Structure formats: structure tokens, C-alpha cells
Amino acid sequence: MKTMILLIEDNEQNRYLATFLLEKSGYAVVPAVDGPMGIELAGRILPRLILLDIQLPTMDGYTVARRLRKLPAMEKTPIVAVTSYAMPGDREKTIASGCNGYIEKPINPETFVADIERYLDGSDKESRT
């Protein structure tokens, strides 16, 4: 059975690229186009990892991460922000909201899968506060 990754991303091009790279590496990707859909899917499909855009319509990624952490089944699921927010303090705000890690956009297609795999195998360097 393939490892399932939930991708919460509203931008179609970003969703396509991440999905292509992950599926090419053998992962199953379930997309969500906004926060409410992502929260609902997470509780239903129980992904092994969640990739979360921060700049989403209707509900920002910080709120999504906090709500995901309130779901008992999502308390320990790695959540990695994939975001264009790269100002001082953005990484810390992302981690404080419940994310385990932070990857800046634009993603590097050559390293993206390896970047997220460290959260799947438990060797991530960052942790929630």
C-alpha cells in the first residue's frame, strides 16, 4: 500500500507539480483546494503526512494547522508548510501553529521529495513547540 499524503494547496500549478513529483516517487496524493476541505479529508483518510500551503482562501494555513492538531487522529501526523512566506518570523509562526516543518516556495523539484521524506521517517530537525 502506498504512503498517503494530503496536499492542501489552492494553486493548481503548485498542486500539479507537487503531485507529479510525489506520485513519481511512489506516493499516493490526495488534493484539497482549501482549508475546510483539507481538514475534512484529513479526518477521513488519515494521511501519513500533510503538506499545507499557508496562503489559502477562506481559512489560512495557520488556522488549518491549529484545527488539524485538535483532531485526535492528527495529533502526531507530520504537517509541513509549503509556502512563499519567507520573511523573518514566518518559520517560527508556522511551527508555533502546529506544523513540524517549513519548505519555501518555489519548491526545488530536484530536492522536494527528499525534503519531505525526512518528516516521514522521523528524522526531521524541527519540532512543534
Protein backbone atom coordinates (compact mmCIF):
# COMPACT_ATOMS: atom_id res chain seq x y z
CA MET A 1 0.00 0.00 0.00
CA LYS A 2 1.32 3.43 -0.96
CA THR A 3 2.04 6.07 1.65
CA MET A 4 -0.78 8.62 1.53
CA ILE A 5 -0.01 12.34 1.55
CA LEU A 6 -2.66 15.04 1.87
CA LEU A 7 -1.78 18.14 -0.14
CA ILE A 8 -3.70 21.26 0.89
CA GLU A 9 -2.90 23.76 -1.86
CA ASP A 10 -5.18 26.17 -3.73
CA ASN A 11 -2.87 26.93 -6.65
CA GLU A 12 -3.44 24.45 -9.47
CA GLN A 13 0.11 24.66 -10.86
CA ASN A 14 1.68 24.12 -7.43
CA ARG A 15 -0.69 21.21 -6.78
CA TYR A 16 0.18 19.65 -10.13
CA LEU A 17 3.95 19.92 -9.62
CA ALA A 18 3.95 18.55 -6.06
CA THR A 19 1.57 15.74 -7.02
CA PHE A 20 3.66 14.82 -10.07
CA LEU A 21 6.89 14.68 -8.06
CA LEU A 22 5.37 12.69 -5.20
CA GLU A 23 3.49 10.21 -7.38
CA LYS A 24 6.62 9.68 -9.48
CA SER A 25 8.33 8.66 -6.22
CA GLY A 26 5.59 6.17 -5.35
CA TYR A 27 3.37 8.18 -3.01
CA ALA A 28 -0.42 8.48 -3.19
CA VAL A 29 -1.50 12.14 -3.14
CA VAL A 30 -4.95 13.35 -2.13
CA PRO A 31 -5.52 17.04 -3.01
CA ALA A 32 -7.59 19.63 -1.15
CA VAL A 33 -8.09 23.12 -2.54
CA ASP A 34 -8.82 24.90 0.74
CA GLY A 35 -8.57 24.53 4.50
CA PRO A 36 -12.06 23.24 5.31
CA MET A 37 -11.77 20.56 2.62
CA GLY A 38 -8.31 19.63 3.91
CA ILE A 39 -9.50 19.28 7.50
CA GLU A 40 -12.45 17.13 6.43
CA LEU A 41 -10.26 14.90 4.25
CA ALA A 42 -7.59 14.54 6.93
CA GLY A 43 -10.11 13.17 9.41
CA ARG A 44 -11.48 10.76 6.81
CA ILE A 45 -8.39 9.44 5.01
CA LEU A 46 -5.84 9.65 7.88
CA PRO A 47 -2.81 10.61 5.77
CA ARG A 48 0.73 9.75 6.80
CA LEU A 49 1.85 13.35 6.05
CA ILE A 50 0.13 16.67 5.33
CA LEU A 51 1.63 19.31 3.06
CA LEU A 52 -0.01 22.64 3.81
CA ASP A 53 0.03 25.93 1.95
CA ILE A 54 -0.23 28.87 4.34
CA GLN A 55 -1.84 31.39 1.99
CA LEU A 56 -5.21 29.71 1.38
CA PRO A 57 -8.67 31.11 0.61
CA THR A 58 -11.37 31.13 3.33
CA MET A 59 -9.03 29.91 6.10
CA ASP A 60 -5.26 30.49 6.31
CA GLY A 61 -2.84 27.64 6.82
CA TYR A 62 -2.04 28.66 10.40
CA THR A 63 -5.70 28.16 11.35
CA VAL A 64 -5.84 24.90 9.39
CA ALA A 65 -2.79 23.56 11.25
CA ARG A 66 -4.24 24.51 14.66
CA ARG A 67 -7.56 22.82 13.80
CA LEU A 68 -5.83 19.70 12.48
CA ARG A 69 -3.90 19.40 15.76
CA LYS A 70 -7.21 19.37 17.66
CA LEU A 71 -8.26 16.18 15.82
CA PRO A 72 -7.11 13.20 17.94
CA ALA A 73 -6.08 11.24 14.83
CA MET A 74 -3.91 14.17 13.62
CA GLU A 75 -2.06 14.97 16.85
CA LYS A 76 1.13 13.23 15.70
CA THR A 77 0.75 13.39 11.91
CA PRO A 78 3.59 15.43 10.41
CA ILE A 79 2.38 18.71 8.90
CA VAL A 80 4.83 20.52 6.64
CA ALA A 81 4.10 24.06 5.48
CA VAL A 82 4.97 24.65 1.85
CA THR A 83 4.77 28.41 1.49
CA SER A 84 6.03 31.54 -0.16
CA TYR A 85 6.06 33.28 3.23
CA ALA A 86 9.77 33.79 3.80
CA MET A 87 10.03 36.89 5.97
CA PRO A 88 11.75 36.91 9.36
CA GLY A 89 9.47 35.22 11.88
CA ASP A 90 7.37 33.32 9.31
CA ARG A 91 9.08 29.99 10.01
CA GLU A 92 8.57 30.42 13.76
CA LYS A 93 4.91 31.39 13.31
CA THR A 94 4.38 28.31 11.15
CA ILE A 95 5.95 25.98 13.72
CA ALA A 96 4.01 27.65 16.55
CA SER A 97 0.74 26.99 14.70
CA GLY A 98 1.37 23.23 14.79
CA CYS A 99 3.48 22.50 11.74
CA ASN A 100 6.52 20.24 12.06
CA GLY A 101 8.42 21.84 9.23
CA TYR A 102 8.64 24.54 6.62
CA ILE A 103 9.61 24.43 2.94
CA GLU A 104 9.82 27.66 0.96
CA LYS A 105 8.23 28.12 -2.45
CA PRO A 106 9.09 27.89 -5.17
CA ILE A 107 9.93 24.29 -4.40
CA ASN A 108 13.06 22.76 -5.86
CA PRO A 109 11.89 19.80 -7.98
CA GLU A 110 15.26 18.09 -7.52
CA THR A 111 15.11 18.07 -3.70
CA PHE A 112 11.39 18.34 -2.85
CA VAL A 113 10.71 14.65 -2.27
CA ALA A 114 13.84 14.22 -0.15
CA ASP A 115 12.91 17.39 1.78
CA ILE A 116 9.53 15.96 2.80
CA GLU A 117 10.73 12.37 3.32
CA ARG A 118 12.69 13.40 6.40
CA TYR A 119 9.34 14.11 8.07
CA LEU A 120 8.03 10.69 7.09
CA ASP A 121 10.98 8.83 8.56
CA GLY A 122 11.05 10.86 11.77
CA SER A 123 14.43 12.45 11.18
CA ASP A 124 13.09 16.00 10.90
CA LYS A 125 15.20 18.64 12.56
CA GLU A 126 12.31 20.91 13.52
CA SER A 127 9.61 20.17 16.03
CA ARG A 128 6.39 21.74 17.18
CA THR A 129 6.50 24.00 20.18
